[in-house]
Amino acid sequence: MKEETLVPTGTKNDPCHYYNEALTHEQIALRLGLHRATVARRLHAAETLLLALARQDMRDNNW
């Protein structure tokens, strides 16, 4: 098993942002025994939900 490393994901607006190395859709699918397209759809749905929740939280807190 490969040791987790921090990977820079910096952008122009956030140059210091780091995250643990991401798995590809194929790696997730293999680990879960799912088709790659199923994993991609589920990840997209989760991302969409998290963004909606973040926007709602910002509205609720008058950001």
N, C-alpha and C. Protein backbone atom coordinates (compact mmCIF):
# COMPACT_ATOMS: atom_id res chain seq x y z
N MET A 1 0.85 -1.17 0.00
CA MET A 1 0.00 0.00 0.00
C MET A 1 0.89 1.23 0.00
N LYS A 2 0.56 2.17 -0.87
CA LYS A 2 1.35 3.39 -0.99
C LYS A 2 1.07 4.34 0.16
N GLU A 3 2.10 4.95 0.68
CA GLU A 3 1.95 5.91 1.76
C GLU A 3 1.28 7.17 1.23
N GLU A 4 0.33 7.72 1.99
CA GLU A 4 -0.35 8.94 1.57
C GLU A 4 0.60 10.12 1.62
N THR A 5 0.52 10.96 0.62
CA THR A 5 1.34 12.16 0.60
C THR A 5 0.45 13.37 0.38
N LEU A 6 0.92 14.52 0.82
CA LEU A 6 0.18 15.74 0.57
C LEU A 6 0.56 16.28 -0.80
N VAL A 7 -0.44 16.62 -1.57
CA VAL A 7 -0.23 17.09 -2.93
C VAL A 7 -0.68 18.54 -3.01
N PRO A 8 0.17 19.44 -3.51
CA PRO A 8 -0.27 20.83 -3.64
C PRO A 8 -1.34 20.96 -4.71
N THR A 9 -2.39 21.68 -4.40
CA THR A 9 -3.47 21.90 -5.36
C THR A 9 -3.67 23.40 -5.53
N GLY A 10 -2.63 24.14 -5.28
CA GLY A 10 -2.73 25.58 -5.26
C GLY A 10 -3.33 26.17 -6.53
N THR A 11 -4.06 27.23 -6.32
CA THR A 11 -4.59 28.00 -7.43
C THR A 11 -4.09 29.42 -7.27
N LYS A 12 -4.40 30.25 -8.22
CA LYS A 12 -3.99 31.65 -8.14
C LYS A 12 -4.54 32.31 -6.87
N ASN A 13 -5.78 31.94 -6.50
CA ASN A 13 -6.43 32.55 -5.34
C ASN A 13 -6.08 31.86 -4.02
N ASP A 14 -5.62 30.62 -4.08
CA ASP A 14 -5.36 29.86 -2.86
C ASP A 14 -4.11 29.00 -3.07
N PRO A 15 -2.92 29.62 -3.11
CA PRO A 15 -1.71 28.88 -3.46
C PRO A 15 -1.25 27.88 -2.40
N CYS A 16 -1.78 27.93 -1.20
CA CYS A 16 -1.29 27.07 -0.12
C CYS A 16 -2.22 25.90 0.18
N HIS A 17 -3.23 25.68 -0.64
CA HIS A 17 -4.19 24.61 -0.37
C HIS A 17 -3.55 23.25 -0.68
N TYR A 18 -3.71 22.30 0.24
CA TYR A 18 -3.19 20.95 0.06
C TYR A 18 -4.30 19.94 0.35
N TYR A 19 -4.20 18.77 -0.25
CA TYR A 19 -5.12 17.69 0.05
C TYR A 19 -4.37 16.37 -0.04
N ASN A 20 -4.92 15.32 0.58
CA ASN A 20 -4.30 14.00 0.44
C ASN A 20 -4.48 13.54 -0.99
N GLU A 21 -3.49 12.84 -1.51
CA GLU A 21 -3.51 12.40 -2.90
C GLU A 21 -4.84 11.71 -3.22
N ALA A 22 -5.48 12.16 -4.27
CA ALA A 22 -6.80 11.65 -4.63
C ALA A 22 -6.70 10.34 -5.40
N LEU A 23 -7.69 9.49 -5.21
CA LEU A 23 -7.80 8.27 -5.99
C LEU A 23 -8.52 8.59 -7.29
N THR A 24 -8.20 7.86 -8.34
CA THR A 24 -8.91 8.04 -9.60
C THR A 24 -10.25 7.31 -9.53
N HIS A 25 -11.14 7.62 -10.45
CA HIS A 25 -12.42 6.92 -10.50
C HIS A 25 -12.20 5.42 -10.65
N GLU A 26 -11.20 5.05 -11.45
CA GLU A 26 -10.91 3.64 -11.67
C GLU A 26 -10.49 2.94 -10.38
N GLN A 27 -9.64 3.61 -9.59
CA GLN A 27 -9.17 3.02 -8.32
C GLN A 27 -10.32 2.86 -7.34
N ILE A 28 -11.19 3.86 -7.26
CA ILE A 28 -12.35 3.78 -6.37
C ILE A 28 -13.27 2.65 -6.82
N ALA A 29 -13.52 2.58 -8.13
CA ALA A 29 -14.41 1.54 -8.67
C ALA A 29 -13.87 0.15 -8.35
N LEU A 30 -12.56 -0.05 -8.51
CA LEU A 30 -11.97 -1.35 -8.21
C LEU A 30 -12.13 -1.70 -6.74
N ARG A 31 -11.89 -0.73 -5.87
CA ARG A 31 -12.00 -0.99 -4.42
C ARG A 31 -13.42 -1.31 -3.99
N LEU A 32 -14.41 -0.66 -4.64
CA LEU A 32 -15.81 -0.85 -4.26
C LEU A 32 -16.52 -1.90 -5.10
N GLY A 33 -15.87 -2.36 -6.15
CA GLY A 33 -16.51 -3.33 -7.03
C GLY A 33 -17.61 -2.73 -7.86
N LEU A 34 -17.48 -1.47 -8.23
CA LEU A 34 -18.49 -0.77 -9.03
C LEU A 34 -17.92 -0.40 -10.39
N HIS A 35 -18.81 -0.08 -11.31
CA HIS A 35 -18.41 0.39 -12.64
C HIS A 35 -17.89 1.82 -12.51
N ARG A 36 -16.88 2.17 -13.31
CA ARG A 36 -16.28 3.50 -13.26
C ARG A 36 -17.31 4.61 -13.45
N ALA A 37 -18.23 4.44 -14.38
CA ALA A 37 -19.24 5.47 -14.65
C ALA A 37 -20.16 5.67 -13.44
N THR A 38 -20.45 4.59 -12.73
CA THR A 38 -21.28 4.70 -11.52
C THR A 38 -20.56 5.54 -10.47
N VAL A 39 -19.28 5.28 -10.29
CA VAL A 39 -18.48 6.05 -9.34
C VAL A 39 -18.45 7.52 -9.74
N ALA A 40 -18.23 7.79 -11.02
CA ALA A 40 -18.18 9.17 -11.50
C ALA A 40 -19.50 9.89 -11.24
N ARG A 41 -20.63 9.22 -11.50
CA ARG A 41 -21.94 9.84 -11.26
C ARG A 41 -22.15 10.13 -9.78
N ARG A 42 -21.78 9.18 -8.94
CA ARG A 42 -21.98 9.35 -7.49
C ARG A 42 -21.09 10.46 -6.93
N LEU A 43 -19.86 10.54 -7.41
CA LEU A 43 -18.97 11.60 -6.96
C LEU A 43 -19.48 12.97 -7.41
N HIS A 44 -19.98 13.04 -8.64
CA HIS A 44 -20.52 14.30 -9.13
C HIS A 44 -21.75 14.72 -8.32
N ALA A 45 -22.62 13.77 -8.01
CA ALA A 45 -23.80 14.07 -7.21
C ALA A 45 -23.41 14.55 -5.81
N ALA A 46 -22.42 13.91 -5.21
CA ALA A 46 -21.96 14.33 -3.88
C ALA A 46 -21.36 15.73 -3.92
N GLU A 47 -20.58 16.02 -4.94
CA GLU A 47 -19.98 17.34 -5.09
C GLU A 47 -21.06 18.41 -5.26
N THR A 48 -22.06 18.12 -6.07
CA THR A 48 -23.16 19.06 -6.30
C THR A 48 -23.91 19.34 -4.99
N LEU A 49 -24.17 18.29 -4.22
CA LEU A 49 -24.85 18.46 -2.94
C LEU A 49 -24.03 19.30 -1.97
N LEU A 50 -22.73 19.02 -1.87
CA LEU A 50 -21.87 19.78 -0.96
C LEU A 50 -21.81 21.26 -1.35
N LEU A 51 -21.75 21.54 -2.64
CA LEU A 51 -21.74 22.94 -3.08
C LEU A 51 -23.05 23.64 -2.74
N ALA A 52 -24.17 22.94 -2.92
CA ALA A 52 -25.47 23.52 -2.59
C ALA A 52 -25.57 23.79 -1.09
N LEU A 53 -25.07 22.87 -0.28
CA LEU A 53 -25.10 23.07 1.17
C LEU A 53 -24.21 24.24 1.59
N ALA A 54 -23.06 24.36 0.95
CA ALA A 54 -22.16 25.47 1.27
C ALA A 54 -22.81 26.81 0.90
N ARG A 55 -23.45 26.85 -0.27
CA ARG A 55 -24.13 28.09 -0.68
C ARG A 55 -25.24 28.45 0.30
N GLN A 56 -26.02 27.45 0.72
CA GLN A 56 -27.11 27.70 1.66
C GLN A 56 -26.55 28.20 2.99
N ASP A 57 -25.47 27.61 3.45
CA ASP A 57 -24.85 28.03 4.70
C ASP A 57 -24.38 29.48 4.60
N MET A 58 -23.81 29.84 3.45
CA MET A 58 -23.34 31.21 3.27
C MET A 58 -24.53 32.18 3.28
N ARG A 59 -25.64 31.80 2.64
CA ARG A 59 -26.84 32.66 2.66
C ARG A 59 -27.38 32.79 4.07
N ASP A 60 -27.44 31.66 4.79
CA ASP A 60 -27.97 31.67 6.15
C ASP A 60 -27.13 32.54 7.09
N ASN A 61 -25.84 32.64 6.82
CA ASN A 61 -24.95 33.42 7.67
C ASN A 61 -24.61 34.78 7.10
N ASN A 62 -25.38 35.21 6.10
CA ASN A 62 -25.22 36.54 5.48
C ASN A 62 -23.81 36.83 5.03
N TRP A 63 -23.20 35.90 4.33
CA TRP A 63 -21.84 36.09 3.81
C TRP A 63 -21.89 36.96 2.62
